[in-house]
Protein backbone atom coordinates (compact mmCIF):
# COMPACT_ATOMS: atom_id res chain seq x y z
CA MET A 1 70.73 -30.02 7.63
CA ARG A 2 67.92 -30.99 9.98
CA LEU A 3 65.88 -33.96 8.79
CA GLU A 4 62.39 -33.20 7.45
CA PHE A 5 59.41 -35.50 7.76
CA GLY A 6 56.29 -35.30 5.64
CA ILE A 7 53.32 -37.17 4.30
CA TYR A 8 51.90 -37.53 0.83
CA THR A 9 48.68 -38.82 -0.58
CA PHE A 10 46.95 -39.48 -3.90
CA VAL A 11 43.61 -38.78 -2.18
CA ASP A 12 42.39 -42.36 -2.53
CA HIS A 13 38.66 -42.60 -3.17
CA THR A 14 37.56 -46.19 -3.42
CA PRO A 15 34.88 -48.22 -1.66
CA ASP A 16 35.85 -49.57 1.75
CA PRO A 17 36.73 -53.25 1.02
CA VAL A 18 35.29 -54.34 4.36
CA THR A 19 32.06 -52.30 4.72
CA GLY A 20 31.47 -51.42 1.04
CA GLU A 21 30.93 -47.77 2.01
CA HIS A 22 31.95 -45.21 -0.61
CA ILE A 23 31.93 -41.72 0.83
CA PRO A 24 31.07 -38.76 -1.45
CA ALA A 25 33.99 -37.01 -3.17
CA GLU A 26 33.27 -33.77 -1.33
CA GLN A 27 33.51 -35.56 2.01
CA ARG A 28 36.85 -37.08 0.99
CA HIS A 29 38.13 -33.62 0.24
CA ARG A 30 36.89 -32.30 3.56
CA ASN A 31 38.70 -35.18 5.25
CA LEU A 32 41.87 -34.30 3.33
CA LEU A 33 41.80 -30.74 4.67
CA GLU A 34 41.45 -32.02 8.24
CA GLU A 35 44.36 -34.39 7.71
CA ALA A 36 46.56 -31.58 6.45
CA GLU A 37 45.53 -29.29 9.29
CA LEU A 38 46.50 -31.93 11.82
CA ALA A 39 49.85 -32.54 10.15
CA ASP A 40 50.58 -28.80 10.29
CA ARG A 41 49.47 -28.47 13.92
CA LEU A 42 51.64 -31.42 15.02
CA GLY A 43 54.78 -30.04 13.37
CA LEU A 44 55.29 -32.19 10.27
CA GLU A 45 57.31 -30.35 7.65
CA VAL A 46 55.70 -31.30 4.29
CA PHE A 47 52.25 -32.21 2.98
CA ALA A 48 52.16 -33.36 -0.67
CA ILE A 49 49.46 -34.44 -3.12
CA GLY A 50 50.03 -36.54 -6.24
CA GLU A 51 48.35 -35.75 -9.58
CA HIS A 52 46.28 -38.53 -11.07
CA HIS A 53 43.50 -38.77 -13.64
CA ARG A 54 41.67 -41.89 -12.55
CA PRO A 55 38.47 -42.61 -10.61
CA ASP A 56 40.26 -44.19 -7.64
CA PHE A 57 42.28 -41.02 -6.87
CA ILE A 58 40.53 -37.64 -6.83
CA ALA A 59 43.57 -35.34 -7.11
CA SER A 60 43.75 -34.22 -10.72
CA ALA A 61 44.43 -30.66 -9.62
CA PRO A 62 46.92 -30.74 -6.74
CA ALA A 63 47.61 -26.99 -6.79
CA VAL A 64 43.91 -26.28 -6.13
CA LEU A 65 43.77 -28.67 -3.17
CA LEU A 66 47.06 -27.32 -1.82
CA ALA A 67 45.74 -23.76 -2.01
CA ALA A 68 42.74 -24.82 0.06
CA ILE A 69 45.12 -26.40 2.56
CA ALA A 70 47.29 -23.25 2.56
CA ALA A 71 44.31 -21.23 3.79
CA ARG A 72 43.92 -23.57 6.79
CA THR A 73 47.57 -24.09 7.77
CA ASN A 74 50.44 -21.93 8.96
CA ARG A 75 53.84 -23.50 8.46
CA ILE A 76 53.81 -26.84 6.64
CA ARG A 77 55.36 -26.88 3.17
CA LEU A 78 52.99 -27.73 0.32
CA SER A 79 54.10 -29.84 -2.61
CA SER A 80 52.88 -31.91 -5.50
CA ALA A 81 53.89 -35.57 -5.50
CA VAL A 82 54.07 -35.50 -8.42
CA SER A 83 53.08 -32.97 -11.05
CA VAL A 84 52.99 -34.97 -14.28
CA LEU A 85 55.02 -32.37 -16.15
CA SER A 86 55.22 -34.43 -19.38
CA SER A 87 51.52 -33.94 -20.12
CA ASP A 88 51.16 -30.40 -18.75
CA ASP A 89 52.15 -26.90 -19.80
CA PRO A 90 55.20 -25.71 -17.82
CA VAL A 91 53.95 -22.12 -17.95
CA ARG A 92 50.69 -23.09 -16.24
CA VAL A 93 52.45 -25.36 -13.73
CA PHE A 94 54.72 -22.49 -12.75
CA GLN A 95 51.83 -20.00 -12.56
CA GLN A 96 49.76 -22.32 -10.38
CA PHE A 97 52.54 -23.00 -7.91
CA ALA A 98 53.78 -19.39 -7.88
CA THR A 99 50.20 -18.45 -6.98
CA LEU A 100 50.20 -21.14 -4.28
CA ASP A 101 53.49 -19.70 -3.02
CA LEU A 102 51.87 -16.27 -2.68
CA VAL A 103 48.74 -17.64 -0.99
CA SER A 104 50.78 -19.70 1.47
CA GLY A 105 53.42 -17.11 2.28
CA GLY A 106 56.28 -18.91 0.58
CA ARG A 107 55.55 -22.57 1.31
CA ALA A 108 55.08 -24.04 -2.19
CA GLU A 109 57.19 -26.66 -3.96
CA ILE A 110 56.88 -28.45 -7.27
CA MET A 111 57.80 -32.12 -7.41
CA ALA A 112 58.06 -32.90 -11.10
CA GLY A 113 57.91 -36.42 -12.50
CA ARG A 114 56.95 -38.46 -15.52
CA GLY A 115 54.24 -40.23 -13.53
CA SER A 116 53.68 -43.93 -12.92
CA PHE A 117 50.25 -43.85 -14.61
CA THR A 118 49.69 -42.80 -18.21
CA GLU A 119 46.03 -41.63 -18.33
CA SER A 120 47.03 -37.99 -18.71
CA PHE A 121 48.88 -38.53 -22.01
CA PRO A 122 45.89 -39.38 -24.25
CA LEU A 123 43.68 -37.05 -22.17
CA PHE A 124 45.79 -34.03 -23.13
CA GLY A 125 46.77 -35.21 -26.60
CA TYR A 126 50.30 -36.52 -26.05
CA ASP A 127 51.95 -39.59 -27.51
CA LEU A 128 53.45 -42.09 -25.07
CA ALA A 129 56.21 -42.70 -27.56
CA ASP A 130 57.50 -39.25 -26.56
CA TYR A 131 57.42 -40.15 -22.82
CA ASP A 132 61.00 -39.18 -21.94
CA ALA A 133 61.47 -36.48 -24.58
CA LEU A 134 58.40 -34.64 -23.28
CA PHE A 135 59.65 -34.63 -19.72
CA THR A 136 63.17 -33.58 -20.64
CA GLU A 137 62.04 -30.63 -22.72
CA LYS A 138 59.29 -29.49 -20.37
CA LEU A 139 61.57 -29.68 -17.34
CA GLY A 140 64.05 -27.47 -19.18
CA MET A 141 61.29 -24.97 -19.95
CA LEU A 142 60.09 -24.97 -16.32
CA LEU A 143 63.59 -24.34 -15.02
CA GLU A 144 64.02 -21.48 -17.52
CA ILE A 145 60.71 -19.90 -16.41
CA ARG A 146 61.73 -19.89 -12.76
CA LYS A 147 65.02 -18.06 -13.50
CA GLY A 148 63.28 -14.78 -14.25
CA GLU A 149 60.06 -13.18 -15.41
CA ARG A 150 60.95 -12.82 -19.14
CA LEU A 151 60.92 -16.01 -21.17
CA ASN A 152 62.45 -16.79 -24.55
CA TRP A 153 61.93 -20.41 -25.52
CA LYS A 154 61.74 -22.64 -28.58
CA GLY A 155 61.23 -26.40 -28.41
CA LYS A 156 59.90 -29.35 -30.32
CA HIS A 157 57.11 -30.42 -27.91
CA THR A 158 56.45 -26.98 -26.38
CA GLN A 159 55.24 -23.63 -27.64
CA LYS A 160 57.56 -20.93 -28.89
CA VAL A 161 57.74 -17.96 -26.54
CA GLU A 162 59.42 -14.70 -27.51
CA ASP A 163 60.24 -12.35 -24.65
CA ARG A 164 57.03 -12.79 -22.70
CA GLY A 165 56.58 -12.20 -18.99
CA ILE A 166 55.45 -15.12 -16.87
CA TYR A 167 53.36 -14.04 -13.86
CA PRO A 168 52.92 -14.09 -10.94
CA ARG A 169 56.37 -14.46 -9.45
CA PRO A 170 56.69 -16.46 -6.20
CA VAL A 171 57.54 -15.21 -2.74
CA GLN A 172 60.57 -17.51 -2.57
CA GLY A 173 62.27 -16.04 -5.62
CA LEU A 174 63.56 -19.36 -6.92
CA LEU A 175 60.55 -21.66 -6.60
CA PRO A 176 61.77 -25.10 -5.33
CA VAL A 177 61.60 -27.85 -7.95
CA TRP A 178 62.22 -31.45 -6.90
CA ILE A 179 62.61 -34.35 -9.28
CA ALA A 180 60.78 -37.60 -8.49
CA VAL A 181 62.32 -40.82 -9.77
CA GLY A 182 61.27 -44.44 -9.55
CA GLY A 183 64.68 -46.02 -9.93
CA THR A 184 66.18 -45.44 -13.37
CA PRO A 185 69.85 -44.37 -13.48
CA GLU A 186 69.20 -41.84 -16.26
CA SER A 187 66.64 -39.99 -14.12
CA VAL A 188 68.96 -40.01 -11.14
CA VAL A 189 71.87 -38.58 -13.16
CA ARG A 190 69.63 -35.91 -14.69
CA ALA A 191 68.47 -34.66 -11.30
CA ALA A 192 72.00 -34.57 -9.85
CA THR A 193 73.55 -32.95 -12.92
CA LEU A 194 70.93 -30.18 -12.84
CA GLY A 195 71.53 -29.66 -9.12
CA LEU A 196 67.91 -30.41 -8.24
CA PRO A 197 66.73 -32.18 -5.08
CA MET A 198 65.50 -35.72 -5.73
CA THR A 199 62.77 -37.88 -4.30
CA LEU A 200 63.16 -41.64 -4.73
CA ALA A 201 59.91 -43.60 -4.51
CA ILE A 202 60.31 -47.04 -2.90
CA ILE A 203 56.97 -48.82 -3.08
CA GLY A 204 57.94 -52.46 -3.04
CA GLY A 205 60.66 -55.03 -2.58
CA GLU A 206 63.76 -54.57 -0.40
CA PRO A 207 64.83 -50.96 0.12
CA ALA A 208 68.50 -51.95 0.11
CA ARG A 209 68.33 -52.63 -3.64
CA PHE A 210 67.80 -48.90 -4.22
CA GLN A 211 71.03 -47.88 -2.48
CA PRO A 212 73.05 -47.83 -5.78
CA PHE A 213 70.67 -45.13 -7.03
CA THR A 214 71.18 -42.84 -4.03
CA ASP A 215 74.94 -43.51 -4.18
CA LEU A 216 74.85 -42.56 -7.89
CA TYR A 217 72.92 -39.37 -7.11
CA ARG A 218 75.38 -38.34 -4.39
CA GLU A 219 78.44 -39.09 -6.56
CA THR A 220 77.05 -37.32 -9.61
CA TRP A 221 76.11 -34.33 -7.46
CA LYS A 222 79.72 -34.01 -6.35
CA GLN A 223 81.12 -34.51 -9.85
CA ALA A 224 78.85 -31.77 -11.16
CA GLY A 225 80.41 -29.38 -8.64
CA HIS A 226 77.26 -28.60 -6.69
CA SER A 227 77.53 -27.40 -3.08
CA GLU A 228 77.21 -30.09 -0.40
CA SER A 229 75.13 -27.64 1.65
CA ASP A 230 72.48 -27.64 -1.13
CA PHE A 231 72.21 -31.45 -1.28
CA GLN A 232 68.67 -32.72 -0.62
CA LEU A 233 67.47 -36.29 -0.98
CA ALA A 234 64.03 -37.57 -0.06
CA ILE A 235 62.68 -41.09 0.25
CA GLY A 236 58.97 -41.79 -0.24
CA SER A 237 57.37 -45.06 0.86
CA HIS A 238 53.99 -46.62 1.53
CA GLY A 239 53.12 -47.10 5.17
CA PHE A 240 50.62 -46.88 7.97
CA ILE A 241 50.91 -46.49 11.72
CA ALA A 242 48.46 -47.70 14.36
CA ASP A 243 48.67 -48.38 18.10
CA SER A 244 49.71 -51.96 17.39
CA THR A 245 51.28 -53.71 14.42
CA GLU A 246 48.42 -56.21 14.39
CA GLU A 247 45.85 -53.43 14.11
CA ALA A 248 47.77 -51.75 11.30
CA ALA A 249 48.19 -54.97 9.34
CA GLU A 250 44.56 -56.06 9.60
CA LEU A 251 43.40 -52.57 8.65
CA ILE A 252 45.64 -52.15 5.61
CA TRP A 253 45.77 -55.67 4.20
CA PRO A 254 42.32 -55.72 2.50
CA ARG A 255 42.94 -52.21 1.14
CA TYR A 256 46.37 -53.12 -0.12
CA GLN A 257 45.00 -56.27 -1.73
CA MET A 258 42.22 -54.35 -3.47
CA MET A 259 44.36 -51.42 -4.69
CA MET A 260 47.45 -53.36 -5.73
CA GLY A 261 45.33 -56.12 -7.20
CA ARG A 262 43.47 -53.69 -9.42
CA ILE A 263 46.63 -51.94 -10.55
CA GLY A 264 48.30 -55.30 -11.08
CA ARG A 265 45.48 -56.50 -13.33
CA GLU A 266 45.88 -53.32 -15.40
CA ARG A 267 49.60 -53.92 -15.80
CA GLY A 268 49.63 -57.69 -16.20
CA TRP A 269 51.03 -58.57 -12.77
CA GLY A 270 50.05 -61.72 -10.89
CA PRO A 271 47.51 -61.73 -8.06
CA VAL A 272 48.42 -60.09 -4.76
CA GLY A 273 48.52 -62.57 -1.89
CA ARG A 274 48.98 -62.28 1.86
CA PRO A 275 52.54 -63.70 1.70
CA GLN A 276 53.59 -60.78 -0.50
CA PHE A 277 52.03 -58.33 1.95
CA GLU A 278 53.82 -60.02 4.91
CA PHE A 279 57.10 -59.72 3.04
CA GLU A 280 56.53 -56.01 2.45
CA ILE A 281 55.77 -55.28 6.12
CA ALA A 282 58.66 -57.44 7.42
CA PRO A 283 61.82 -55.68 8.67
CA SER A 284 63.52 -55.97 5.29
CA GLY A 285 60.44 -54.96 3.26
CA ALA A 286 59.56 -51.59 1.81
CA MET A 287 56.23 -50.94 3.55
CA LEU A 288 56.56 -48.97 6.77
CA LEU A 289 53.63 -50.44 8.63
CA GLY A 290 53.13 -51.16 12.29
CA ASP A 291 53.23 -49.57 15.72
CA PRO A 292 55.36 -46.44 16.26
CA GLU A 293 58.47 -48.33 17.40
CA THR A 294 58.38 -50.74 14.44
CA VAL A 295 57.95 -47.96 11.88
CA ALA A 296 60.58 -45.74 13.52
CA ARG A 297 63.18 -48.51 13.35
CA LYS A 298 62.44 -49.17 9.68
CA ILE A 299 62.78 -45.48 8.80
CA ALA A 300 66.03 -45.28 10.76
CA ARG A 301 67.37 -48.28 8.80
CA GLU A 302 66.50 -46.49 5.56
CA HIS A 303 68.34 -43.40 6.81
CA HIS A 304 71.40 -45.59 7.39
CA LEU A 305 71.09 -46.92 3.82
CA PHE A 306 70.41 -43.67 1.99
CA GLY A 307 71.39 -40.72 4.19
CA PHE A 308 68.18 -38.91 3.23
CA THR A 309 67.42 -35.32 4.29
CA ARG A 310 63.64 -35.80 4.00
CA PHE A 311 61.32 -38.74 4.52
CA SER A 312 57.76 -38.81 3.20
CA LEU A 313 55.17 -41.41 4.13
CA GLN A 314 52.39 -42.28 1.67
CA PHE A 315 49.88 -42.91 4.40
CA SER A 316 46.85 -44.08 2.42
CA VAL A 317 46.80 -47.09 0.13
CA GLY A 318 43.12 -47.57 -0.51
CA SER A 319 40.36 -45.83 1.43
CA VAL A 320 41.12 -45.86 5.15
CA PRO A 321 38.53 -44.63 7.70
CA HIS A 322 39.08 -40.97 8.44
CA GLU A 323 39.58 -41.42 12.16
CA LYS A 324 42.27 -44.02 11.50
CA MET A 325 44.04 -41.63 9.11
CA LEU A 326 44.06 -38.94 11.76
CA ARG A 327 45.41 -41.39 14.35
CA CYS A 328 48.12 -42.44 11.90
CA ILE A 329 49.23 -38.80 11.43
CA GLU A 330 49.19 -38.25 15.21
CA LEU A 331 51.34 -41.27 15.92
CA TYR A 332 53.71 -40.41 13.09
CA ALA A 333 54.27 -36.82 14.26
CA THR A 334 54.31 -37.34 18.03
CA GLN A 335 55.91 -40.79 18.38
CA VAL A 336 57.60 -41.99 15.18
CA VAL A 337 59.44 -38.80 14.20
CA PRO A 338 60.98 -38.23 17.69
CA ARG A 339 62.06 -41.89 17.79
CA VAL A 340 63.72 -41.65 14.40
CA ARG A 341 65.56 -38.47 15.31
CA ALA A 342 66.88 -40.20 18.43
CA LEU A 343 67.84 -43.35 16.55
CA VAL A 344 69.85 -41.45 13.94
CA GLY A 345 71.47 -39.24 16.54
CA GLU A 346 69.71 -36.00 15.70
CA ALA A 347 68.31 -33.74 18.44
CA SER A 348 64.63 -32.90 18.01
């Protein structure tokens, strides 16, 4: 299987920590469409948007944004990253992405996850005590819906459905559903047992510590009797590419400090310092930041560790000037991806 390379974003919308500028939300969305258009034009395979319900990310409705992108692109696959399935209705999630699939000519994917933020649970009337039970049941319902147009379903946390048609149906027939995990063995085993492609998010620390999870996924996949040809594993990581590593570091550091510091205060973490940032961008760290050669070598090392079939770069942590975002995408598509393919021995 040929390696795929994509980008994903939460559509960060925070004040610039250097200038204090805070662009209007409508301008941030216009910028997003331009970023997706460029990614498509330069041959990247996937563009994904993560669902959040917070003021610092303006992507509470990924399917709507992806539909707007579909109208302005031709070939790039369009995915959520993630859809917070636990606090949503699987019927509506399927309908939205089946519609996206029709609009885009068969380019839609759902990446389902429990979400790393919890704002959607009280917003939609769910109890965090049911965190895992909600996801398990709703994932089962979603997978049942995609099997065929007639649904019969009865669950504890979901509505009872008796022989109802779910429309529209997607172009692809079996709408792709990926499972996003953050590093819990139970989530890994669930994805592999169900025969679903998995995305592992690595957003800090040393990537090598996640290798047991990808090994577990691969072994469980085999034990479950799934075809090796259907095996798909994605890695998602923070990163940013500029013409020099120094430029990339000085651009991202104040944004990383602001974003991670705010999230850390919410979760009771300690303050974020420059030594932590330097550790993350070092060769053994998780952040893929630097010039094209530096980033390509880090991605190739991760391929050696995990044997992934898809790599996705979260290319905005905090609000980055639009022209720098476009340059990052250009360098990623035209310089990083060809280098990685060469380093791992794959012809472009």
